[in-house]
Amino acid sequence: PPAPAPPSTPATPATPTPARQPDGGKPAPAPLPAPWAANKALLRSSTAPLLKFYMYRVQNDQDYPPENQNTANLAGAMWYLHNEIVNNRLERRYGKTRIQRFLFKVRATQPLHNAGLNFGVRYAFDGGNCTGPFDCQEQFKKYGYFVGCNLVSQWPTQQWAGKVFYKDATWYSLPGPCNDRRYNQHTKACDAAIPGGHCSGDPTGQGNCTYSYEHAGEISIDDLEGIASFKEFAAAGGWEYNNGTDRGVHMTFWDNKTNTTACAKRLARAEELFRERYPASGPLPDPPCDFNLKAFFGGALPPK
């Protein structure tokens, strides 16, 4: 990858004037006046280590930033594909066509580092709105706009325990601007009050500078499966994967979903494709997802 830009130094935000923007005739909620900035520890650079690794996003043909979204390591992306996307006949759910790769740099804030963590709770996003678990803004006020992580089989998605056969499948959360509401309710005032953690260069670990990223390539799902065109494949009676039979029709790539050896081979194929397409970009190990409930929440979960 190209040489990194100099570290950014985000300015302390001014308290914005709350603004309203209509959404279906309803006013958008007024943003709080930069509550995270009241925590002086979040205004200083952090002594936490700088982590550099790849994140992946299963995506359709649209291009937009990964902020206020969930991403994954490659194993997590493969699990998502297998369980949510390729098991629909005649179509791929949500029109997914590719796996995007991003080179991320992540640094925890000092309060998060003091808790012994590089990652916070992995939040879910609905149309750009951070929906929990619990109150996102309360934890951002305490820890800044941290990157979250969880193993797919563990809290807050423990319903998948015993059902994840891609080793160390992990999901991440990336808080961006105005993450207390949906994209169509964003305002400039909200972006100023709730800036999120994205910045340029090496993140400083200040409350609004916890991660940076650059695009690092992509592979198509067609190439992963070894077909020329999904449209033609489906028209000829093909079915990528049938949950009921644990098999595909005119395709074997996704067969045996609960077989760890078969899942490892699928993951290895995705890794091979990225190496072939981007030989200049070397491998980077995934950092351990070190989120810990007790360390993060102080031993007691917040009220729901």
Protein backbone atom coordinates (compact mmCIF):
# COMPACT_ATOMS: atom_id res chain seq x y z
CA PRO A 1 0.00 0.00 0.00
CA PRO A 2 1.08 3.63 -0.43
CA ALA A 3 2.87 5.42 2.38
CA PRO A 4 0.44 6.60 5.04
CA ALA A 5 -0.50 10.24 5.34
CA PRO A 6 0.65 12.14 8.45
CA PRO A 7 -1.50 11.52 11.52
CA SER A 8 -4.54 13.74 11.72
CA THR A 9 -5.27 15.88 14.75
CA PRO A 10 -9.01 16.32 15.03
CA ALA A 11 -10.12 19.61 16.48
CA THR A 12 -12.23 19.80 19.59
CA PRO A 13 -15.76 20.27 18.27
CA ALA A 14 -17.78 23.32 19.04
CA THR A 15 -21.23 22.86 20.48
CA PRO A 16 -23.55 22.97 17.45
CA THR A 17 -26.97 24.44 17.23
CA PRO A 18 -29.46 21.57 17.18
CA ALA A 19 -31.11 21.29 13.80
CA ARG A 20 -34.18 19.59 12.42
CA GLN A 21 -34.76 17.97 9.11
CA PRO A 22 -38.04 16.46 7.95
CA ASP A 23 -38.34 12.74 7.32
CA GLY A 24 -41.80 11.76 6.20
CA GLY A 25 -43.26 14.79 7.97
CA LYS A 26 -41.56 13.97 11.29
CA PRO A 27 -38.73 16.10 12.73
CA ALA A 28 -35.37 14.45 13.16
CA PRO A 29 -34.16 14.18 16.77
CA ALA A 30 -31.96 17.10 17.81
CA PRO A 31 -28.33 16.07 18.39
CA LEU A 32 -26.70 16.42 21.77
CA PRO A 33 -23.97 19.08 22.03
CA ALA A 34 -20.89 16.88 21.41
CA PRO A 35 -21.25 14.94 24.68
CA TRP A 36 -18.14 12.82 24.09
CA ALA A 37 -15.95 15.95 24.14
CA ALA A 38 -16.84 16.57 27.80
CA ASN A 39 -14.59 13.62 28.66
CA LYS A 40 -11.15 15.27 28.69
CA ALA A 41 -9.40 11.91 28.33
CA LEU A 42 -10.96 11.63 24.86
CA LEU A 43 -9.38 14.89 23.70
CA ARG A 44 -5.86 13.54 24.11
CA SER A 45 -3.97 11.08 21.93
CA SER A 46 -3.90 7.51 23.19
CA THR A 47 -1.00 5.25 24.14
CA ALA A 48 -2.88 2.22 22.75
CA PRO A 49 -1.10 0.23 20.01
CA LEU A 50 -1.85 0.91 16.35
CA LEU A 51 -3.49 -2.09 14.69
CA LYS A 52 -3.27 -2.59 10.93
CA PHE A 53 -5.39 -5.28 9.29
CA TYR A 54 -8.00 -5.99 6.62
CA MET A 55 -11.74 -5.73 6.97
CA TYR A 56 -14.20 -7.05 4.40
CA ARG A 57 -17.72 -6.11 3.31
CA VAL A 58 -20.13 -8.21 1.24
CA GLN A 59 -21.58 -5.60 -1.09
CA ASN A 60 -23.83 -5.01 -4.08
CA ASP A 61 -22.78 -2.82 -7.02
CA GLN A 62 -23.27 0.43 -5.11
CA ASP A 63 -20.27 2.28 -3.72
CA TYR A 64 -20.41 4.13 -0.40
CA PRO A 65 -18.18 4.40 2.69
CA PRO A 66 -18.17 1.63 5.31
CA GLU A 67 -18.87 4.11 8.13
CA ASN A 68 -21.99 3.49 10.23
CA GLN A 69 -21.91 -0.08 9.02
CA ASN A 70 -20.76 -3.53 10.05
CA THR A 71 -17.80 -5.21 8.40
CA ALA A 72 -16.06 -8.53 9.02
CA ASN A 73 -12.85 -10.45 8.75
CA LEU A 74 -12.80 -12.72 5.71
CA ALA A 75 -14.12 -15.69 7.71
CA GLY A 76 -17.00 -13.54 8.97
CA ALA A 77 -17.77 -12.40 5.44
CA MET A 78 -17.83 -16.00 4.23
CA TRP A 79 -20.16 -17.01 7.07
CA TYR A 80 -22.50 -14.14 6.17
CA LEU A 81 -22.49 -15.13 2.51
CA HIS A 82 -23.22 -18.77 3.33
CA ASN A 83 -26.01 -18.09 5.82
CA GLU A 84 -27.69 -14.97 4.46
CA ILE A 85 -26.92 -14.43 0.77
CA VAL A 86 -26.43 -17.52 -1.41
CA ASN A 87 -29.29 -19.63 -0.05
CA ASN A 88 -31.99 -18.02 -2.20
CA ARG A 89 -33.01 -19.52 -5.51
CA LEU A 90 -32.92 -17.25 -8.58
CA GLU A 91 -31.41 -14.33 -6.69
CA ARG A 92 -28.78 -13.35 -4.19
CA ARG A 93 -30.32 -11.59 -1.24
CA TYR A 94 -29.87 -7.80 -1.27
CA GLY A 95 -28.30 -8.01 -4.73
CA LYS A 96 -24.84 -8.83 -3.38
CA THR A 97 -22.19 -9.29 -6.05
CA ARG A 98 -18.74 -8.92 -4.45
CA ILE A 99 -16.51 -8.97 -1.40
CA GLN A 100 -14.75 -5.66 -0.83
CA ARG A 101 -11.52 -5.41 1.13
CA PHE A 102 -10.33 -2.39 3.13
CA LEU A 103 -6.99 -1.79 4.81
CA PHE A 104 -7.78 -0.45 8.27
CA LYS A 105 -5.72 1.24 10.94
CA VAL A 106 -7.31 1.19 14.38
CA ARG A 107 -6.27 2.70 17.69
CA ALA A 108 -8.29 2.49 20.90
CA THR A 109 -8.95 5.59 22.96
CA GLN A 110 -7.18 5.96 26.29
CA PRO A 111 -10.26 5.05 28.39
CA LEU A 112 -10.76 1.89 26.32
CA HIS A 113 -7.05 1.06 26.49
CA ASN A 114 -7.13 1.59 30.26
CA ALA A 115 -9.87 -1.06 30.40
CA GLY A 116 -7.41 -3.45 28.75
CA LEU A 117 -9.18 -3.46 25.38
CA ASN A 118 -8.50 -2.56 21.76
CA PHE A 119 -12.14 -3.08 20.74
CA GLY A 120 -15.47 -2.17 22.30
CA VAL A 121 -18.87 -3.76 21.99
CA ARG A 122 -19.88 -4.60 18.43
CA TYR A 123 -22.89 -2.43 17.66
CA ALA A 124 -25.52 -3.03 14.99
CA PHE A 125 -26.49 -0.33 12.49
CA ASP A 126 -29.90 0.07 10.84
CA GLY A 127 -29.81 2.48 7.92
CA GLY A 128 -26.82 4.16 9.54
CA ASN A 129 -28.44 4.37 12.98
CA CYS A 130 -26.54 2.72 15.84
CA THR A 131 -29.18 0.50 17.47
CA GLY A 132 -27.26 -1.21 20.25
CA PRO A 133 -27.13 -3.43 22.20
CA PHE A 134 -28.05 -0.90 24.88
CA ASP A 135 -27.48 2.83 24.40
CA CYS A 136 -24.70 3.47 21.87
CA GLN A 137 -24.35 7.14 22.78
CA GLU A 138 -23.76 6.43 26.47
CA GLN A 139 -20.78 4.23 25.66
CA PHE A 140 -19.46 6.65 23.03
CA LYS A 141 -19.59 9.34 25.71
CA LYS A 142 -17.45 7.14 27.96
CA TYR A 143 -15.06 5.56 25.43
CA GLY A 144 -15.24 7.73 22.30
CA TYR A 145 -16.18 6.37 18.88
CA PHE A 146 -14.47 3.01 19.24
CA VAL A 147 -14.34 0.19 16.73
CA GLY A 148 -16.38 -2.74 18.02
CA CYS A 149 -15.93 -6.47 17.44
CA ASN A 150 -17.44 -9.82 18.31
CA LEU A 151 -16.92 -13.41 17.30
CA VAL A 152 -20.08 -14.36 15.39
CA SER A 153 -20.79 -17.17 17.85
CA GLN A 154 -20.53 -14.92 20.92
CA TRP A 155 -22.52 -12.08 22.49
CA PRO A 156 -24.33 -10.08 21.18
CA THR A 157 -25.01 -12.75 18.50
CA GLN A 158 -24.80 -15.74 20.81
CA GLN A 159 -27.80 -17.26 19.02
CA TRP A 160 -25.25 -18.55 16.49
CA ALA A 161 -23.23 -20.47 19.10
CA GLY A 162 -22.52 -23.94 17.74
CA LYS A 163 -23.53 -22.84 14.22
CA VAL A 164 -20.37 -21.12 13.03
CA PHE A 165 -17.96 -23.37 11.16
CA TYR A 166 -15.67 -20.70 9.71
CA LYS A 167 -12.83 -20.44 12.22
CA ASP A 168 -12.69 -17.17 14.18
CA ALA A 169 -15.46 -15.55 12.11
CA THR A 170 -15.60 -11.96 13.39
CA TRP A 171 -17.76 -8.91 12.83
CA TYR A 172 -16.84 -5.25 13.39
CA SER A 173 -18.74 -1.99 13.86
CA LEU A 174 -17.56 1.39 12.57
CA PRO A 175 -19.31 4.42 14.09
CA GLY A 176 -19.43 7.33 11.68
CA PRO A 177 -21.01 10.78 11.67
CA CYS A 178 -24.53 11.34 13.03
CA ASN A 179 -24.89 7.72 14.07
CA ASP A 180 -27.88 8.35 16.35
CA ARG A 181 -30.29 8.44 13.39
CA ARG A 182 -30.82 7.07 9.90
CA TYR A 183 -28.95 8.39 6.86
CA ASN A 184 -31.93 10.37 5.58
CA GLN A 185 -32.03 12.41 8.81
CA HIS A 186 -28.42 13.59 8.78
CA THR A 187 -27.65 17.28 9.18
CA LYS A 188 -24.41 19.27 9.30
CA ALA A 189 -25.09 20.11 12.93
CA CYS A 190 -25.51 16.44 13.78
CA ASP A 191 -22.32 15.53 11.92
CA ALA A 192 -20.45 18.10 14.02
CA ALA A 193 -21.92 16.95 17.32
CA ILE A 194 -21.54 13.23 16.60
CA PRO A 195 -18.50 12.98 14.32
CA GLY A 196 -17.77 9.27 14.61
CA GLY A 197 -14.29 7.78 14.72
CA HIS A 198 -13.06 8.03 11.13
CA CYS A 199 -10.04 10.23 10.42
CA SER A 200 -7.13 10.28 7.98
CA GLY A 201 -3.64 8.84 8.34
CA ASP A 202 -2.67 7.06 11.53
CA PRO A 203 -5.51 7.41 14.04
CA THR A 204 -4.48 9.21 17.20
CA GLY A 205 -6.87 7.44 19.55
CA GLN A 206 -8.67 10.67 20.36
CA GLY A 207 -12.41 10.19 20.80
CA ASN A 208 -13.12 11.19 17.19
CA CYS A 209 -10.06 9.59 15.59
CA THR A 210 -10.05 5.83 16.19
CA TYR A 211 -9.80 4.41 12.67
CA SER A 212 -8.78 5.15 9.11
CA TYR A 213 -9.07 3.02 6.00
CA GLU A 214 -8.32 2.75 2.32
CA HIS A 215 -9.75 0.49 -0.37
CA ALA A 216 -7.66 -2.64 -0.88
CA GLY A 217 -9.40 -4.49 -3.67
CA GLU A 218 -12.37 -6.77 -4.21
CA ILE A 219 -13.36 -10.13 -5.66
CA SER A 220 -16.66 -11.11 -7.25
CA ILE A 221 -18.87 -13.82 -5.80
CA ASP A 222 -19.06 -15.29 -9.33
CA ASP A 223 -15.29 -15.71 -9.41
CA LEU A 224 -15.30 -17.18 -5.92
CA GLU A 225 -17.80 -19.82 -7.03
CA GLY A 226 -16.18 -20.37 -10.42
CA ILE A 227 -19.10 -19.29 -12.61
CA ALA A 228 -19.18 -16.79 -15.47
CA SER A 229 -22.52 -15.15 -14.71
CA PHE A 230 -24.94 -15.64 -11.83
CA LYS A 231 -27.84 -14.54 -14.02
CA GLU A 232 -27.07 -17.21 -16.61
CA PHE A 233 -26.38 -19.80 -13.90
CA ALA A 234 -29.77 -19.19 -12.25
CA ALA A 235 -31.60 -19.13 -15.59
CA ALA A 236 -30.19 -22.59 -16.35
CA GLY A 237 -31.70 -23.98 -13.12
CA GLY A 238 -28.71 -23.43 -10.90
CA TRP A 239 -29.03 -22.88 -7.15
CA GLU A 240 -25.96 -21.86 -5.19
CA TYR A 241 -27.02 -23.47 -1.92
CA ASN A 242 -30.19 -25.06 -0.56
CA ASN A 243 -30.51 -25.00 3.24
CA GLY A 244 -32.82 -28.00 3.15
CA THR A 245 -30.46 -30.34 1.31
CA ASP A 246 -27.14 -28.78 2.34
CA ARG A 247 -26.29 -28.86 -1.34
CA GLY A 248 -26.36 -26.69 -4.42
CA VAL A 249 -27.86 -27.43 -7.82
CA HIS A 250 -25.24 -27.37 -10.61
CA MET A 251 -22.81 -26.11 -7.95
CA THR A 252 -20.85 -27.78 -5.15
CA PHE A 253 -18.90 -24.80 -3.76
CA TRP A 254 -21.21 -24.24 -0.77
CA ASP A 255 -21.98 -27.91 0.00
CA ASN A 256 -21.48 -29.17 3.57
CA LYS A 257 -22.01 -25.96 5.52
CA THR A 258 -21.30 -27.56 8.90
CA ASN A 259 -18.07 -29.24 7.81
CA THR A 260 -15.10 -27.26 9.13
CA THR A 261 -12.75 -28.72 6.50
CA ALA A 262 -15.08 -27.67 3.67
CA CYS A 263 -15.44 -24.19 5.20
CA ALA A 264 -11.65 -23.88 5.49
CA LYS A 265 -11.30 -24.75 1.79
CA ARG A 266 -13.85 -22.09 0.84
CA LEU A 267 -12.04 -19.52 2.95
CA ALA A 268 -8.71 -20.52 1.42
CA ARG A 269 -10.18 -20.01 -2.07
CA ALA A 270 -11.22 -16.46 -1.19
CA GLU A 271 -7.75 -15.74 0.21
CA GLU A 272 -6.18 -17.19 -2.95
CA LEU A 273 -8.26 -14.93 -5.19
CA PHE A 274 -7.19 -11.82 -3.29
CA ARG A 275 -3.52 -12.91 -3.55
CA GLU A 276 -3.87 -13.50 -7.29
CA ARG A 277 -5.58 -10.16 -7.92
CA TYR A 278 -3.38 -8.08 -5.63
CA PRO A 279 0.06 -9.76 -5.40
CA ALA A 280 1.71 -6.58 -4.08
CA SER A 281 -0.42 -6.54 -0.94
CA GLY A 282 0.99 -8.96 1.60
CA PRO A 283 -1.01 -10.92 4.18
CA LEU A 284 -1.95 -9.27 7.46
CA PRO A 285 -3.08 -11.32 10.45
CA ASP A 286 -6.40 -10.53 12.08
CA PRO A 287 -5.94 -8.95 15.51
CA PRO A 288 -7.61 -10.85 18.35
CA CYS A 289 -11.13 -9.63 19.08
CA ASP A 290 -10.45 -8.78 22.71
CA PHE A 291 -13.84 -7.31 23.64
CA ASN A 292 -14.79 -8.42 27.14
CA LEU A 293 -18.21 -7.79 28.68
CA LYS A 294 -16.97 -7.41 32.24
CA ALA A 295 -14.06 -5.15 31.38
CA PHE A 296 -16.13 -2.96 29.07
CA PHE A 297 -19.29 -2.54 31.15
CA GLY A 298 -17.59 -2.66 34.54
CA GLY A 299 -19.24 -5.87 35.68
CA ALA A 300 -22.86 -4.79 35.29
CA LEU A 301 -24.78 -4.55 32.01
CA PRO A 302 -26.70 -1.30 31.40
CA PRO A 303 -30.49 -1.33 31.61
CA LYS A 304 -32.22 -2.25 28.35
